Amino acid sequence: MNKSVIAILALASLGGMTGCQTPAPPASTLAEQHAEIVLQEGDVVRVSFPGAPNLDTQPQPVRRDGQITLPIVGGITAAGVTPTELQKQILAKLSDQLLSKEVLVSVVSSTFAVYVDGPVLRPGKIVADHPITVMEAIMESGGFDYDKADMRHVQVLRHKGQSKDYTYFTLDLKEVLDGKQKDLFYLEPGDMVHVQQKFSWF
């Protein structure tokens, strides 16, 4: 993990970061939030035309410039939109060419990075290819260092858009490990998970 990420996490653990502490979103909100991903560079998509299969594309990655290539249209921006939004854009560009106004964008694979810091066995960057919860990310990092980790105050730092502020959520994962609640907090691309260290006088 680079120094800037470590510095951000350290500031958050001291409560010195600009932002707001927010309770974990309810499960229903999370389900809606992850119903569709926002496409980004490296995601692999397939575009199908049920009424004109000759226009179907092979699976192709979203390029570094954020675009994919389609027959007739050429390049079209895919990064930053959901598959449903991309379908609408493609249909708008090809509506005059299609008898059947149907376009289907399928996500073949999608990866995104999150970061885990603090007393876990393997802190650092995790690349996920599916929606991942906080607990799953920590397990991917080797799990808690149980002698040092404060499992009741695990923070998730989230930065959105052009804002300089971070929103952070504080989660009690001890309750999850004890089976008293489920881990329904799903991470978003770029989220940083900070496991705080137990306070000790010694």
Protein backbone atom coordinates (compact mmCIF):
# COMPACT_ATOMS: atom_id res chain seq x y z
CA MET A 1 0.00 0.00 0.00
CA ASN A 2 1.39 3.43 -0.84
CA LYS A 3 2.21 6.05 1.78
CA SER A 4 -0.73 8.31 0.92
CA VAL A 5 -3.25 5.54 1.61
CA ILE A 6 -1.57 4.70 4.91
CA ALA A 7 -1.59 8.37 5.90
CA ILE A 8 -5.29 8.70 5.15
CA LEU A 9 -6.11 5.65 7.23
CA ALA A 10 -3.99 6.86 10.11
CA LEU A 11 -5.75 10.21 10.16
CA ALA A 12 -9.15 8.54 10.10
CA SER A 13 -8.30 6.39 13.09
CA LEU A 14 -7.54 9.52 15.07
CA GLY A 15 -10.80 11.14 14.03
CA GLY A 16 -8.97 14.00 12.37
CA MET A 17 -10.32 13.61 8.86
CA THR A 18 -12.90 15.91 7.36
CA GLY A 19 -16.05 13.91 6.78
CA CYS A 20 -18.90 12.43 8.68
CA GLN A 21 -19.40 9.21 10.57
CA THR A 22 -22.43 7.37 9.32
CA PRO A 23 -24.14 4.19 10.50
CA ALA A 24 -24.03 1.21 8.16
CA PRO A 25 -26.70 1.42 5.43
CA PRO A 26 -29.66 -0.94 5.82
CA ALA A 27 -29.58 -4.21 3.90
CA SER A 28 -32.33 -3.10 1.50
CA THR A 29 -30.30 -0.06 0.48
CA LEU A 30 -27.24 -2.20 -0.10
CA ALA A 31 -29.14 -4.66 -2.25
CA GLU A 32 -30.38 -1.83 -4.46
CA GLN A 33 -26.96 -0.20 -4.51
CA HIS A 34 -25.30 -3.36 -5.82
CA ALA A 35 -28.03 -4.39 -8.23
CA GLU A 36 -25.80 -3.01 -11.00
CA ILE A 37 -22.18 -2.07 -11.04
CA VAL A 38 -20.80 1.09 -12.58
CA LEU A 39 -18.54 0.03 -15.42
CA GLN A 40 -14.88 0.97 -15.28
CA GLU A 41 -11.65 0.34 -17.13
CA GLY A 42 -10.83 -3.37 -17.32
CA ASP A 43 -14.40 -4.63 -16.98
CA VAL A 44 -15.28 -7.10 -19.73
CA VAL A 45 -18.68 -6.73 -21.42
CA ARG A 46 -20.61 -8.37 -24.22
CA VAL A 47 -23.19 -6.44 -26.27
CA SER A 48 -26.02 -8.45 -27.85
CA PHE A 49 -28.79 -7.44 -30.23
CA PRO A 50 -31.65 -9.99 -29.97
CA GLY A 51 -33.24 -8.71 -33.18
CA ALA A 52 -29.97 -8.43 -35.12
CA PRO A 53 -27.51 -11.09 -33.93
CA ASN A 54 -25.10 -10.18 -36.74
CA LEU A 55 -24.28 -7.07 -34.68
CA ASP A 56 -23.42 -9.04 -31.52
CA THR A 57 -19.94 -8.38 -30.17
CA GLN A 58 -17.42 -10.72 -28.62
CA PRO A 59 -16.54 -10.06 -24.98
CA GLN A 60 -14.31 -6.99 -24.87
CA PRO A 61 -12.70 -4.98 -22.08
CA VAL A 62 -13.50 -1.38 -21.34
CA ARG A 63 -10.36 0.28 -22.64
CA ARG A 64 -8.14 2.78 -20.86
CA ASP A 65 -9.96 5.59 -22.68
CA GLY A 66 -13.22 4.30 -21.16
CA GLN A 67 -14.65 3.10 -24.46
CA ILE A 68 -15.72 -0.11 -26.17
CA THR A 69 -16.15 -0.61 -29.92
CA LEU A 70 -19.45 -1.46 -31.62
CA PRO A 71 -20.34 -2.27 -35.24
CA ILE A 72 -21.58 0.75 -37.21
CA VAL A 73 -21.23 3.08 -34.19
CA GLY A 74 -17.54 2.62 -33.51
CA GLY A 75 -16.35 3.81 -30.10
CA ILE A 76 -18.81 4.49 -27.30
CA THR A 77 -18.05 5.45 -23.71
CA ALA A 78 -18.80 2.66 -21.24
CA ALA A 79 -16.80 3.72 -18.18
CA GLY A 80 -18.79 5.57 -15.54
CA VAL A 81 -22.22 4.21 -16.46
CA THR A 82 -24.20 1.11 -15.51
CA PRO A 83 -24.94 -1.64 -18.04
CA THR A 84 -28.55 -0.44 -18.25
CA GLU A 85 -27.43 3.13 -18.97
CA LEU A 86 -25.02 1.85 -21.61
CA GLN A 87 -27.85 -0.11 -23.25
CA LYS A 88 -29.88 3.09 -23.53
CA GLN A 89 -26.93 4.96 -25.07
CA ILE A 90 -26.36 2.24 -27.64
CA LEU A 91 -30.05 2.07 -28.50
CA ALA A 92 -30.16 5.84 -28.98
CA LYS A 93 -27.28 5.67 -31.45
CA LEU A 94 -28.60 2.65 -33.37
CA SER A 95 -32.35 3.14 -33.15
CA ASP A 96 -32.61 3.99 -36.85
CA GLN A 97 -30.71 0.82 -37.75
CA LEU A 98 -32.66 -1.66 -35.61
CA LEU A 99 -36.06 -3.17 -36.34
CA SER A 100 -36.18 -4.69 -32.87
CA LYS A 101 -35.36 -2.00 -30.32
CA GLU A 102 -33.47 -4.32 -28.02
CA VAL A 103 -29.91 -4.13 -26.74
CA LEU A 104 -28.41 -6.24 -23.97
CA VAL A 105 -25.15 -5.41 -22.21
CA SER A 106 -23.81 -8.34 -20.18
CA VAL A 107 -20.93 -8.02 -17.73
CA VAL A 108 -18.62 -10.98 -18.32
CA SER A 109 -16.20 -10.02 -15.58
CA SER A 110 -15.60 -7.03 -13.35
CA THR A 111 -12.79 -6.28 -10.95
CA PHE A 112 -12.23 -3.47 -8.46
CA ALA A 113 -9.77 -2.68 -5.71
CA VAL A 114 -10.35 -2.10 -2.01
CA TYR A 115 -7.77 -1.65 0.74
CA VAL A 116 -7.45 -3.15 4.21
CA ASP A 117 -5.20 -1.62 6.86
CA GLY A 118 -4.48 -2.20 10.54
CA PRO A 119 -3.96 -5.35 12.62
CA VAL A 120 -4.81 -7.99 10.01
CA LEU A 121 -2.36 -10.64 8.82
CA ARG A 122 -1.87 -9.32 5.27
CA PRO A 123 -2.82 -5.64 5.02
CA GLY A 124 -2.90 -4.06 1.60
CA LYS A 125 -4.79 -4.01 -1.67
CA ILE A 126 -7.45 -6.58 -2.55
CA VAL A 127 -8.78 -7.01 -6.07
CA ALA A 128 -12.32 -8.39 -6.11
CA ASP A 129 -14.31 -9.69 -9.07
CA HIS A 130 -17.66 -9.79 -7.26
CA PRO A 131 -19.50 -7.74 -4.62
CA ILE A 132 -17.56 -8.14 -1.38
CA THR A 133 -18.46 -7.36 2.22
CA VAL A 134 -16.19 -5.86 4.86
CA MET A 135 -15.80 -9.21 6.61
CA GLU A 136 -14.93 -10.95 3.35
CA ALA A 137 -12.29 -8.31 2.61
CA ILE A 138 -10.74 -8.82 6.05
CA MET A 139 -10.72 -12.59 5.56
CA GLU A 140 -9.00 -12.04 2.18
CA SER A 141 -6.38 -10.11 4.15
CA GLY A 142 -5.71 -13.14 6.33
CA GLY A 143 -8.19 -12.29 9.07
CA PHE A 144 -7.87 -10.28 12.26
CA ASP A 145 -4.80 -10.27 14.45
CA TYR A 146 -6.96 -11.14 17.44
CA ASP A 147 -4.40 -9.98 19.98
CA LYS A 148 -4.36 -6.46 18.58
CA ALA A 149 -7.54 -5.82 16.56
CA ASP A 150 -10.45 -3.82 17.91
CA MET A 151 -13.20 -5.70 16.08
CA ARG A 152 -15.94 -3.47 17.50
CA HIS A 153 -14.70 -0.34 15.77
CA VAL A 154 -13.82 -1.21 12.18
CA GLN A 155 -13.97 1.81 9.89
CA VAL A 156 -14.75 2.03 6.19
CA LEU A 157 -13.56 5.19 4.45
CA ARG A 158 -15.37 6.11 1.26
CA HIS A 159 -14.56 8.91 -1.16
CA LYS A 160 -17.01 9.86 -3.89
CA GLY A 161 -16.86 12.21 -6.83
CA GLN A 162 -14.64 15.29 -6.81
CA SER A 163 -15.19 16.06 -3.14
CA LYS A 164 -12.12 16.13 -0.89
CA ASP A 165 -14.11 14.77 2.01
CA TYR A 166 -14.36 11.16 3.10
CA THR A 167 -17.44 9.57 4.58
CA TYR A 168 -16.63 6.87 7.08
CA PHE A 169 -18.72 4.16 8.61
CA THR A 170 -17.98 2.42 11.91
CA LEU A 171 -18.92 -1.25 12.11
CA ASP A 172 -19.04 -3.74 14.98
CA LEU A 173 -17.69 -6.93 13.44
CA LYS A 174 -17.45 -8.64 16.83
CA GLU A 175 -21.24 -8.91 16.63
CA VAL A 176 -20.85 -10.57 13.24
CA LEU A 177 -18.26 -13.05 14.49
CA ASP A 178 -20.48 -13.87 17.47
CA GLY A 179 -23.37 -14.60 15.12
CA LYS A 180 -25.52 -11.79 16.52
CA GLN A 181 -25.82 -9.99 13.20
CA LYS A 182 -24.97 -10.50 9.53
CA ASP A 183 -22.28 -8.66 7.65
CA LEU A 184 -24.37 -6.86 5.03
CA PHE A 185 -22.05 -3.94 4.43
CA TYR A 186 -20.81 -4.20 0.85
CA LEU A 187 -17.71 -2.32 -0.22
CA GLU A 188 -17.47 -0.03 -3.20
CA PRO A 189 -14.46 0.41 -5.50
CA GLY A 190 -11.68 2.30 -3.74
CA ASP A 191 -13.10 1.82 -0.22
CA MET A 192 -10.52 1.63 2.56
CA VAL A 193 -11.13 -0.66 5.53
CA HIS A 194 -9.28 0.36 8.69
CA VAL A 195 -9.14 -2.11 11.56
CA GLN A 196 -8.29 -0.14 14.65
CA GLN A 197 -5.91 -1.40 17.28
CA LYS A 198 -7.06 -2.23 20.78
CA PHE A 199 -6.25 0.50 23.26
CA SER A 200 -3.80 -0.63 25.90
CA TRP A 201 -2.03 1.10 28.75
CA PHE A 202 0.96 -1.17 28.28
